[in-house]
Amino acid sequence: MSLVNNLISPLDIRLGIADRLKRIRLDQNVSQEQLAERSGVSLGSLRRFESKGEISLKSLVRLAISLNRAQDFDLLFQIEEEIDLFKPESKPRQRASRGTK
């Protein structure tokens, strides 16, 4: 992710996610009422999310699961492994052994 992407406001990020979820919902021909019932998220919460980008993480996960998009969360906070061919290989840490008395 570039520095430019990190300059997006939290509101713009939330609204972008809400817009994408709404587009997926519409592409699947699912009404707000149907999605609310399927997911167990209240209709008011779904409407607030689609209009203002406000929702709990728990509800967002439920909506994603209901739209068969739970796998999208795998990309969130993905850890990128850096490969350094010149770095010596580190040994796994082990607990110290207990001495006998």
PDB file of N, CA and C in Angstrom:
ATOM      1  N   MET A   1       0.850  -1.180   0.000  1.00  0.00           N
ATOM      2  CA  MET A   1       0.000   0.000   0.000  1.00  0.00           C
ATOM      3  C   MET A   1       0.888   1.233   0.000  1.00  0.00           C
ATOM      4  N   SER A   2       0.569   2.171  -0.816  1.00  0.00           N
ATOM      5  CA  SER A   2       1.390   3.373  -0.907  1.00  0.00           C
ATOM      6  C   SER A   2       0.973   4.391   0.142  1.00  0.00           C
ATOM      7  N   LEU A   3       1.831   5.369   0.320  1.00  0.00           N
ATOM      8  CA  LEU A   3       1.561   6.439   1.274  1.00  0.00           C
ATOM      9  C   LEU A   3       0.286   7.173   0.908  1.00  0.00           C
ATOM     10  N   VAL A   4       0.032   7.339  -0.385  1.00  0.00           N
ATOM     11  CA  VAL A   4      -1.172   8.035  -0.837  1.00  0.00           C
ATOM     12  C   VAL A   4      -2.415   7.335  -0.304  1.00  0.00           C
ATOM     13  N   ASN A   5      -2.428   5.999  -0.339  1.00  0.00           N
ATOM     14  CA  ASN A   5      -3.588   5.258   0.159  1.00  0.00           C
ATOM     15  C   ASN A   5      -3.785   5.446   1.649  1.00  0.00           C
ATOM     16  N   ASN A   6      -2.718   5.717   2.377  1.00  0.00           N
ATOM     17  CA  ASN A   6      -2.844   5.924   3.813  1.00  0.00           C
ATOM     18  C   ASN A   6      -3.369   7.313   4.156  1.00  0.00           C
ATOM     19  N   LEU A   7      -3.545   8.160   3.165  1.00  0.00           N
ATOM     20  CA  LEU A   7      -4.070   9.499   3.401  1.00  0.00           C
ATOM     21  C   LEU A   7      -5.587   9.562   3.260  1.00  0.00           C
ATOM     22  N   ILE A   8      -6.210   8.447   2.969  1.00  0.00           N
ATOM     23  CA  ILE A   8      -7.669   8.386   2.865  1.00  0.00           C
ATOM     24  C   ILE A   8      -8.254   8.469   4.278  1.00  0.00           C
ATOM     25  N   SER A   9      -9.303   9.244   4.425  1.00  0.00           N
ATOM     26  CA  SER A   9      -9.900   9.405   5.751  1.00  0.00           C
ATOM     27  C   SER A   9     -10.620   8.128   6.184  1.00  0.00           C
ATOM     28  N   PRO A  10     -10.737   7.925   7.492  1.00  0.00           N
ATOM     29  CA  PRO A  10     -11.488   6.756   7.983  1.00  0.00           C
ATOM     30  C   PRO A  10     -12.916   6.727   7.438  1.00  0.00           C
ATOM     31  N   LEU A  11     -13.541   7.886   7.311  1.00  0.00           N
ATOM     32  CA  LEU A  11     -14.904   7.933   6.774  1.00  0.00           C
ATOM     33  C   LEU A  11     -14.925   7.453   5.326  1.00  0.00           C
ATOM     34  N   ASP A  12     -13.960   7.905   4.527  1.00  0.00           N
ATOM     35  CA  ASP A  12     -13.921   7.477   3.133  1.00  0.00           C
ATOM     36  C   ASP A  12     -13.681   5.977   3.008  1.00  0.00           C
ATOM     37  N   ILE A  13     -12.867   5.425   3.887  1.00  0.00           N
ATOM     38  CA  ILE A  13     -12.637   3.971   3.880  1.00  0.00           C
ATOM     39  C   ILE A  13     -13.935   3.239   4.198  1.00  0.00           C
ATOM     40  N   ARG A  14     -14.620   3.683   5.262  1.00  0.00           N
ATOM     41  CA  ARG A  14     -15.882   3.037   5.655  1.00  0.00           C
ATOM     42  C   ARG A  14     -16.934   3.151   4.558  1.00  0.00           C
ATOM     43  N   LEU A  15     -17.049   4.330   3.958  1.00  0.00           N
ATOM     44  CA  LEU A  15     -18.041   4.518   2.897  1.00  0.00           C
ATOM     45  C   LEU A  15     -17.699   3.688   1.661  1.00  0.00           C
ATOM     46  N   GLY A  16     -16.413   3.523   1.376  1.00  0.00           N
ATOM     47  CA  GLY A  16     -16.003   2.682   0.252  1.00  0.00           C
ATOM     48  C   GLY A  16     -16.381   1.232   0.475  1.00  0.00           C
ATOM     49  N   ILE A  17     -16.175   0.751   1.696  1.00  0.00           N
ATOM     50  CA  ILE A  17     -16.558  -0.630   2.034  1.00  0.00           C
ATOM     51  C   ILE A  17     -18.067  -0.786   1.936  1.00  0.00           C
ATOM     52  N   ALA A  18     -18.797   0.190   2.468  1.00  0.00           N
ATOM     53  CA  ALA A  18     -20.262   0.140   2.421  1.00  0.00           C
ATOM     54  C   ALA A  18     -20.759   0.134   0.982  1.00  0.00           C
ATOM     55  N   ASP A  19     -20.155   0.954   0.134  1.00  0.00           N
ATOM     56  CA  ASP A  19     -20.559   1.014  -1.271  1.00  0.00           C
ATOM     57  C   ASP A  19     -20.296  -0.311  -1.978  1.00  0.00           C
ATOM     58  N   ARG A  20     -19.139  -0.916  -1.710  1.00  0.00           N
ATOM     59  CA  ARG A  20     -18.830  -2.203  -2.347  1.00  0.00           C
ATOM     60  C   ARG A  20     -19.789  -3.293  -1.874  1.00  0.00           C
ATOM     61  N   LEU A  21     -20.110  -3.300  -0.570  1.00  0.00           N
ATOM     62  CA  LEU A  21     -21.057  -4.296  -0.068  1.00  0.00           C
ATOM     63  C   LEU A  21     -22.425  -4.100  -0.722  1.00  0.00           C
ATOM     64  N   LYS A  22     -22.849  -2.855  -0.850  1.00  0.00           N
ATOM     65  CA  LYS A  22     -24.150  -2.577  -1.475  1.00  0.00           C
ATOM     66  C   LYS A  22     -24.148  -3.045  -2.931  1.00  0.00           C
ATOM     67  N   ARG A  23     -23.064  -2.786  -3.664  1.00  0.00           N
ATOM     68  CA  ARG A  23     -22.984  -3.220  -5.060  1.00  0.00           C
ATOM     69  C   ARG A  23     -23.029  -4.737  -5.165  1.00  0.00           C
ATOM     70  N   ILE A  24     -22.356  -5.426  -4.261  1.00  0.00           N
ATOM     71  CA  ILE A  24     -22.393  -6.894  -4.255  1.00  0.00           C
ATOM     72  C   ILE A  24     -23.801  -7.372  -3.953  1.00  0.00           C
ATOM     73  N   ARG A  25     -24.436  -6.734  -2.968  1.00  0.00           N
ATOM     74  CA  ARG A  25     -25.811  -7.101  -2.608  1.00  0.00           C
ATOM     75  C   ARG A  25     -26.741  -6.947  -3.812  1.00  0.00           C
ATOM     76  N   LEU A  26     -26.618  -5.816  -4.506  1.00  0.00           N
ATOM     77  CA  LEU A  26     -27.475  -5.569  -5.666  1.00  0.00           C
ATOM     78  C   LEU A  26     -27.149  -6.516  -6.818  1.00  0.00           C
ATOM     79  N   ASP A  27     -25.860  -6.809  -7.028  1.00  0.00           N
ATOM     80  CA  ASP A  27     -25.459  -7.760  -8.080  1.00  0.00           C
ATOM     81  C   ASP A  27     -26.050  -9.141  -7.828  1.00  0.00           C
ATOM     82  N   GLN A  28     -26.215  -9.482  -6.542  1.00  0.00           N
ATOM     83  CA  GLN A  28     -26.800 -10.780  -6.186  1.00  0.00           C
ATOM     84  C   GLN A  28     -28.330 -10.710  -6.114  1.00  0.00           C
ATOM     85  N   ASN A  29     -28.882  -9.539  -6.445  1.00  0.00           N
ATOM     86  CA  ASN A  29     -30.330  -9.331  -6.449  1.00  0.00           C
ATOM     87  C   ASN A  29     -30.952  -9.617  -5.079  1.00  0.00           C
ATOM     88  N   VAL A  30     -30.295  -9.096  -4.039  1.00  0.00           N
ATOM     89  CA  VAL A  30     -30.754  -9.290  -2.666  1.00  0.00           C
ATOM     90  C   VAL A  30     -31.193  -7.938  -2.120  1.00  0.00           C
ATOM     91  N   SER A  31     -32.396  -7.875  -1.565  1.00  0.00           N
ATOM     92  CA  SER A  31     -32.878  -6.624  -0.977  1.00  0.00           C
ATOM     93  C   SER A  31     -32.254  -6.422   0.401  1.00  0.00           C
ATOM     94  N   GLN A  32     -32.348  -5.202   0.893  1.00  0.00           N
ATOM     95  CA  GLN A  32     -31.848  -4.936   2.250  1.00  0.00           C
ATOM     96  C   GLN A  32     -32.585  -5.809   3.256  1.00  0.00           C
ATOM     97  N   GLU A  33     -33.870  -5.944   3.076  1.00  0.00           N
ATOM     98  CA  GLU A  33     -34.669  -6.752   4.000  1.00  0.00           C
ATOM     99  C   GLU A  33     -34.219  -8.211   3.990  1.00  0.00           C
ATOM    100  N   GLN A  34     -33.973  -8.748   2.802  1.00  0.00           N
ATOM    101  CA  GLN A  34     -33.526 -10.137   2.688  1.00  0.00           C
ATOM    102  C   GLN A  34     -32.162 -10.333   3.339  1.00  0.00           C
ATOM    103  N   LEU A  35     -31.247  -9.388   3.092  1.00  0.00           N
ATOM    104  CA  LEU A  35     -29.913  -9.519   3.661  1.00  0.00           C
ATOM    105  C   LEU A  35     -29.961  -9.391   5.179  1.00  0.00           C
ATOM    106  N   ALA A  36     -30.770  -8.485   5.681  1.00  0.00           N
ATOM    107  CA  ALA A  36     -30.896  -8.326   7.129  1.00  0.00           C
ATOM    108  C   ALA A  36     -31.416  -9.616   7.757  1.00  0.00           C
ATOM    109  N   GLU A  37     -32.412 -10.204   7.143  1.00  0.00           N
ATOM    110  CA  GLU A  37     -32.977 -11.450   7.678  1.00  0.00           C
ATOM    111  C   GLU A  37     -31.968 -12.589   7.603  1.00  0.00           C
ATOM    112  N   ARG A  38     -31.296 -12.724   6.462  1.00  0.00           N
ATOM    113  CA  ARG A  38     -30.299 -13.786   6.278  1.00  0.00           C
ATOM    114  C   ARG A  38     -29.152 -13.694   7.266  1.00  0.00           C
ATOM    115  N   SER A  39     -28.711 -12.476   7.516  1.00  0.00           N
ATOM    116  CA  SER A  39     -27.494 -12.270   8.311  1.00  0.00           C
ATOM    117  C   SER A  39     -27.757 -12.150   9.804  1.00  0.00           C
ATOM    118  N   GLY A  40     -28.978 -11.816  10.178  1.00  0.00           N
ATOM    119  CA  GLY A  40     -29.259 -11.565  11.586  1.00  0.00           C
ATOM    120  C   GLY A  40     -28.872 -10.159  12.018  1.00  0.00           C
ATOM    121  N   VAL A  41     -28.527  -9.312  11.054  1.00  0.00           N
ATOM    122  CA  VAL A  41     -28.218  -7.906  11.323  1.00  0.00           C
ATOM    123  C   VAL A  41     -29.518  -7.129  11.145  1.00  0.00           C
ATOM    124  N   SER A  42     -29.788  -6.211  12.055  1.00  0.00           N
ATOM    125  CA  SER A  42     -31.046  -5.479  11.954  1.00  0.00           C
ATOM    126  C   SER A  42     -31.074  -4.648  10.670  1.00  0.00           C
ATOM    127  N   LEU A  43     -32.273  -4.449  10.159  1.00  0.00           N
ATOM    128  CA  LEU A  43     -32.445  -3.660   8.950  1.00  0.00           C
ATOM    129  C   LEU A  43     -31.924  -2.240   9.157  1.00  0.00           C
ATOM    130  N   GLY A  44     -32.146  -1.691  10.330  1.00  0.00           N
ATOM    131  CA  GLY A  44     -31.657  -0.344  10.638  1.00  0.00           C
ATOM    132  C   GLY A  44     -30.140  -0.268  10.590  1.00  0.00           C
ATOM    133  N   SER A  45     -29.476  -1.286  11.117  1.00  0.00           N
ATOM    134  CA  SER A  45     -28.008  -1.314  11.090  1.00  0.00           C
ATOM    135  C   SER A  45     -27.492  -1.414   9.664  1.00  0.00           C
ATOM    136  N   LEU A  46     -28.140  -2.239   8.855  1.00  0.00           N
ATOM    137  CA  LEU A  46     -27.738  -2.382   7.461  1.00  0.00           C
ATOM    138  C   LEU A  46     -27.940  -1.072   6.710  1.00  0.00           C
ATOM    139  N   ARG A  47     -29.068  -0.427   6.914  1.00  0.00           N
ATOM    140  CA  ARG A  47     -29.327   0.855   6.248  1.00  0.00           C
ATOM    141  C   ARG A  47     -28.326   1.923   6.689  1.00  0.00           C
ATOM    142  N   ARG A  48     -28.029   1.962   7.976  1.00  0.00           N
ATOM    143  CA  ARG A  48     -27.057   2.933   8.493  1.00  0.00           C
ATOM    144  C   ARG A  48     -25.683   2.676   7.882  1.00  0.00           C
ATOM    145  N   PHE A  49     -25.315   1.401   7.744  1.00  0.00           N
ATOM    146  CA  PHE A  49     -24.025   1.069   7.151  1.00  0.00           C
ATOM    147  C   PHE A  49     -23.969   1.516   5.694  1.00  0.00           C
ATOM    148  N   GLU A  50     -24.985   1.192   4.929  1.00  0.00           N
ATOM    149  CA  GLU A  50     -24.961   1.537   3.508  1.00  0.00           C
ATOM    150  C   GLU A  50     -25.002   3.050   3.274  1.00  0.00           C
ATOM    151  N   SER A  51     -25.572   3.801   4.199  1.00  0.00           N
ATOM    152  CA  SER A  51     -25.666   5.254   4.001  1.00  0.00           C
ATOM    153  C   SER A  51     -24.548   6.035   4.688  1.00  0.00           C
ATOM    154  N   LYS A  52     -24.106   5.575   5.876  1.00  0.00           N
ATOM    155  CA  LYS A  52     -23.117   6.330   6.655  1.00  0.00           C
ATOM    156  C   LYS A  52     -21.811   5.589   6.897  1.00  0.00           C
ATOM    157  N   GLY A  53     -21.770   4.305   6.545  1.00  0.00           N
ATOM    158  CA  GLY A  53     -20.551   3.530   6.751  1.00  0.00           C
ATOM    159  C   GLY A  53     -20.321   3.114   8.193  1.00  0.00           C
ATOM    160  N   GLU A  54     -21.350   3.149   9.008  1.00  0.00           N
ATOM    161  CA  GLU A  54     -21.226   2.817  10.432  1.00  0.00           C
ATOM    162  C   GLU A  54     -21.812   1.439  10.707  1.00  0.00           C
ATOM    163  N   ILE A  55     -20.963   0.557  11.277  1.00  0.00           N
ATOM    164  CA  ILE A  55     -21.418  -0.803  11.601  1.00  0.00           C
ATOM    165  C   ILE A  55     -20.396  -1.442  12.531  1.00  0.00           C
ATOM    166  N   SER A  56     -20.834  -2.389  13.330  1.00  0.00           N
ATOM    167  CA  SER A  56     -19.889  -3.116  14.175  1.00  0.00           C
ATOM    168  C   SER A  56     -19.163  -4.158  13.324  1.00  0.00           C
ATOM    169  N   LEU A  57     -17.990  -4.537  13.766  1.00  0.00           N
ATOM    170  CA  LEU A  57     -17.234  -5.559  13.039  1.00  0.00           C
ATOM    171  C   LEU A  57     -18.023  -6.871  13.007  1.00  0.00           C
ATOM    172  N   LYS A  58     -18.656  -7.216  14.114  1.00  0.00           N
ATOM    173  CA  LYS A  58     -19.448  -8.448  14.185  1.00  0.00           C
ATOM    174  C   LYS A  58     -20.540  -8.455  13.113  1.00  0.00           C
ATOM    175  N   SER A  59     -21.235  -7.340  12.965  1.00  0.00           N
ATOM    176  CA  SER A  59     -22.300  -7.253  11.962  1.00  0.00           C
ATOM    177  C   SER A  59     -21.731  -7.271  10.555  1.00  0.00           C
ATOM    178  N   LEU A  60     -20.602  -6.608  10.353  1.00  0.00           N
ATOM    179  CA  LEU A  60     -19.972  -6.606   9.028  1.00  0.00           C
ATOM    180  C   LEU A  60     -19.578  -8.025   8.614  1.00  0.00           C
ATOM    181  N   VAL A  61     -19.048  -8.785   9.541  1.00  0.00           N
ATOM    182  CA  VAL A  61     -18.678 -10.176   9.256  1.00  0.00           C
ATOM    183  C   VAL A  61     -19.926 -10.984   8.912  1.00  0.00           C
ATOM    184  N   ARG A  62     -20.996 -10.780   9.637  1.00  0.00           N
ATOM    185  CA  ARG A  62     -22.243 -11.507   9.347  1.00  0.00           C
ATOM    186  C   ARG A  62     -22.761 -11.180   7.955  1.00  0.00           C
ATOM    187  N   LEU A  63     -22.691  -9.896   7.576  1.00  0.00           N
ATOM    188  CA  LEU A  63     -23.136  -9.497   6.245  1.00  0.00           C
ATOM    189  C   LEU A  63     -22.267 -10.146   5.172  1.00  0.00           C
ATOM    190  N   ALA A  64     -20.958 -10.129   5.383  1.00  0.00           N
ATOM    191  CA  ALA A  64     -20.032 -10.730   4.415  1.00  0.00           C
ATOM    192  C   ALA A  64     -20.311 -12.221   4.243  1.00  0.00           C
ATOM    193  N   ILE A  65     -20.517 -12.914   5.331  1.00  0.00           N
ATOM    194  CA  ILE A  65     -20.823 -14.351   5.273  1.00  0.00           C
ATOM    195  C   ILE A  65     -22.117 -14.579   4.487  1.00  0.00           C
ATOM    196  N   SER A  66     -23.110 -13.746   4.742  1.00  0.00           N
ATOM    197  CA  SER A  66     -24.403 -13.909   4.066  1.00  0.00           C
ATOM    198  C   SER A  66     -24.317 -13.643   2.565  1.00  0.00           C
ATOM    199  N   LEU A  67     -23.339 -12.861   2.147  1.00  0.00           N
ATOM    200  CA  LEU A  67     -23.143 -12.574   0.726  1.00  0.00           C
ATOM    201  C   LEU A  67     -22.041 -13.451   0.111  1.00  0.00           C
ATOM    202  N   ASN A  68     -21.630 -14.488   0.853  1.00  0.00           N
ATOM    203  CA  ASN A  68     -20.567 -15.400   0.415  1.00  0.00           C
ATOM    204  C   ASN A  68     -19.263 -14.663   0.115  1.00  0.00           C
ATOM    205  N   ARG A  69     -18.915 -13.692   0.957  1.00  0.00           N
ATOM    206  CA  ARG A  69     -17.696 -12.915   0.760  1.00  0.00           C
ATOM    207  C   ARG A  69     -16.810 -12.912   1.999  1.00  0.00           C
ATOM    208  N   ALA A  70     -16.951 -13.898   2.866  1.00  0.00           N
ATOM    209  CA  ALA A  70     -16.129 -13.960   4.077  1.00  0.00           C
ATOM    210  C   ALA A  70     -14.650 -14.032   3.740  1.00  0.00           C
ATOM    211  N   GLN A  71     -14.306 -14.612   2.592  1.00  0.00           N
ATOM    212  CA  GLN A  71     -12.908 -14.742   2.202  1.00  0.00           C
ATOM    213  C   GLN A  71     -12.250 -13.378   1.993  1.00  0.00           C
ATOM    214  N   ASP A  72     -13.030 -12.338   1.791  1.00  0.00           N
ATOM    215  CA  ASP A  72     -12.458 -10.998   1.601  1.00  0.00           C
ATOM    216  C   ASP A  72     -11.707 -10.528   2.842  1.00  0.00           C
ATOM    217  N   PHE A  73     -12.066 -11.031   3.999  1.00  0.00           N
ATOM    218  CA  PHE A  73     -11.380 -10.640   5.237  1.00  0.00           C
ATOM    219  C   PHE A  73      -9.960 -11.211   5.306  1.00  0.00           C
ATOM    220  N   ASP A  74      -9.672 -12.235   4.508  1.00  0.00           N
ATOM    221  CA  ASP A  74      -8.318 -12.793   4.485  1.00  0.00           C
ATOM    222  C   ASP A  74      -7.295 -11.771   4.011  1.00  0.00           C
ATOM    223  N   LEU A  75      -7.730 -10.800   3.241  1.00  0.00           N
ATOM    224  CA  LEU A  75      -6.820  -9.784   2.706  1.00  0.00           C
ATOM    225  C   LEU A  75      -6.574  -8.646   3.690  1.00  0.00           C
ATOM    226  N   LEU A  76      -7.388  -8.547   4.723  1.00  0.00           N
ATOM    227  CA  LEU A  76      -7.268  -7.478   5.699  1.00  0.00           C
ATOM    228  C   LEU A  76      -6.082  -7.738   6.623  1.00  0.00           C
ATOM    229  N   PHE A  77      -5.204  -6.767   6.757  1.00  0.00           N
ATOM    230  CA  PHE A  77      -4.008  -6.855   7.603  1.00  0.00           C
ATOM    231  C   PHE A  77      -3.133  -8.051   7.235  1.00  0.00           C
ATOM    232  N   GLN A  78      -3.022  -8.308   5.966  1.00  0.00           N
ATOM    233  CA  GLN A  78      -2.204  -9.421   5.498  1.00  0.00           C
ATOM    234  C   GLN A  78      -0.738  -9.156   5.839  1.00  0.00           C
ATOM    235  N   ILE A  79      -0.085 -10.147   6.370  1.00  0.00           N
ATOM    236  CA  ILE A  79       1.325 -10.021   6.753  1.00  0.00           C
ATOM    237  C   ILE A  79       2.173 -10.417   5.557  1.00  0.00           C
ATOM    238  N   GLU A  80       3.027  -9.503   5.181  1.00  0.00           N
ATOM    239  CA  GLU A  80       3.912  -9.756   4.054  1.00  0.00           C
ATOM    240  C   GLU A  80       5.257 -10.215   4.584  1.00  0.00           C
ATOM    241  N   GLU A  81       5.653 -11.398   4.161  1.00  0.00           N
ATOM    242  CA  GLU A  81       6.933 -11.947   4.576  1.00  0.00           C
ATOM    243  C   GLU A  81       8.035 -11.336   3.724  1.00  0.00           C
ATOM    244  N   GLU A  82       9.029 -10.774   4.377  1.00  0.00           N
ATOM    245  CA  GLU A  82      10.172 -10.239   3.648  1.00  0.00           C
ATOM    246  C   GLU A  82      11.219 -11.334   3.525  1.00  0.00           C
ATOM    247  N   ILE A  83      11.792 -11.434   2.356  1.00  0.00           N
ATOM    248  CA  ILE A  83      12.829 -12.435   2.117  1.00  0.00           C
ATOM    249  C   ILE A  83      14.159 -11.708   1.984  1.00  0.00           C
ATOM    250  N   ASP A  84      15.090 -12.069   2.847  1.00  0.00           N
ATOM    251  CA  ASP A  84      16.443 -11.504   2.799  1.00  0.00           C
ATOM    252  C   ASP A  84      17.398 -12.674   2.604  1.00  0.00           C
ATOM    253  N   LEU A  85      17.918 -12.777   1.419  1.00  0.00           N
ATOM    254  CA  LEU A  85      18.785 -13.912   1.103  1.00  0.00           C
ATOM    255  C   LEU A  85      20.109 -13.871   1.857  1.00  0.00           C
ATOM    256  N   PHE A  86      20.467 -12.718   2.409  1.00  0.00           N
ATOM    257  CA  PHE A  86      21.755 -12.574   3.077  1.00  0.00           C
ATOM    258  C   PHE A  86      21.657 -12.640   4.601  1.00  0.00           C
ATOM    259  N   LYS A  87      20.421 -12.705   5.108  1.00  0.00           N
ATOM    260  CA  LYS A  87      20.223 -12.777   6.555  1.00  0.00           C
ATOM    261  C   LYS A  87      20.465 -14.210   7.026  1.00  0.00           C
ATOM    262  N   PRO A  88      21.265 -14.370   8.076  1.00  0.00           N
ATOM    263  CA  PRO A  88      21.474 -15.741   8.579  1.00  0.00           C
ATOM    264  C   PRO A  88      20.162 -16.328   9.102  1.00  0.00           C
ATOM    265  N   GLU A  89      20.023 -17.618   8.923  1.00  0.00           N
ATOM    266  CA  GLU A  89      18.802 -18.290   9.357  1.00  0.00           C
ATOM    267  C   GLU A  89      18.746 -18.298  10.883  1.00  0.00           C
ATOM    268  N   SER A  90      17.598 -17.898  11.407  1.00  0.00           N
ATOM    269  CA  SER A  90      17.463 -17.878  12.866  1.00  0.00           C
ATOM    270  C   SER A  90      16.967 -19.228  13.362  1.00  0.00           C
ATOM    271  N   LYS A  91      17.418 -19.584  14.555  1.00  0.00           N
ATOM    272  CA  LYS A  91      17.003 -20.847  15.160  1.00  0.00           C
ATOM    273  C   LYS A  91      15.735 -20.595  15.966  1.00  0.00           C
ATOM    274  N   PRO A  92      14.804 -21.546  15.968  1.00  0.00           N
ATOM    275  CA  PRO A  92      13.586 -21.366  16.753  1.00  0.00           C
ATOM    276  C   PRO A  92      13.919 -21.283  18.246  1.00  0.00           C
ATOM    277  N   ARG A  93      13.190 -20.423  18.931  1.00  0.00           N
ATOM    278  CA  ARG A  93      13.413 -20.273  20.370  1.00  0.00           C
ATOM    279  C   ARG A  93      12.881 -21.493  21.109  1.00  0.00           C
ATOM    280  N   GLN A  94      13.604 -21.911  22.131  1.00  0.00           N
ATOM    281  CA  GLN A  94      13.174 -23.037  22.941  1.00  0.00           C
ATOM    282  C   GLN A  94      13.222 -22.619  24.395  1.00  0.00           C
ATOM    283  N   ARG A  95      12.386 -23.250  25.189  1.00  0.00           N
ATOM    284  CA  ARG A  95      12.420 -23.000  26.633  1.00  0.00           C
ATOM    285  C   ARG A  95      13.672 -23.608  27.232  1.00  0.00           C
ATOM    286  N   ALA A  96      14.143 -22.949  28.238  1.00  0.00           N
ATOM    287  CA  ALA A  96      15.313 -23.494  28.941  1.00  0.00           C
ATOM    288  C   ALA A  96      14.919 -24.780  29.660  1.00  0.00           C
ATOM    289  N   SER A  97      15.828 -25.723  29.685  1.00  0.00           N
ATOM    290  CA  SER A  97      15.535 -26.975  30.382  1.00  0.00           C
ATOM    291  C   SER A  97      15.650 -26.763  31.875  1.00  0.00           C
ATOM    292  N   ARG A  98      14.869 -27.511  32.609  1.00  0.00           N
ATOM    293  CA  ARG A  98      14.909 -27.412  34.073  1.00  0.00           C
ATOM    294  C   ARG A  98      16.063 -28.223  34.613  1.00  0.00           C
ATOM    295  N   GLY A  99      16.789 -27.639  35.500  1.00  0.00           N
ATOM    296  CA  GLY A  99      17.884 -28.373  36.134  1.00  0.00           C
ATOM    297  C   GLY A  99      17.352 -29.320  37.200  1.00  0.00           C
ATOM    298  N   THR A 100      18.042 -30.405  37.469  1.00  0.00           N
ATOM    299  CA  THR A 100      17.627 -31.345  38.521  1.00  0.00           C
ATOM    300  C   THR A 100      18.434 -31.071  39.765  1.00  0.00           C
ATOM    301  N   LYS A 101      17.833 -31.257  40.907  1.00  0.00           N
ATOM    302  CA  LYS A 101      18.503 -31.014  42.196  1.00  0.00           C
ATOM    303  C   LYS A 101      18.912 -32.301  42.831  1.00  0.00           C
TER     304      LYS A 101
END
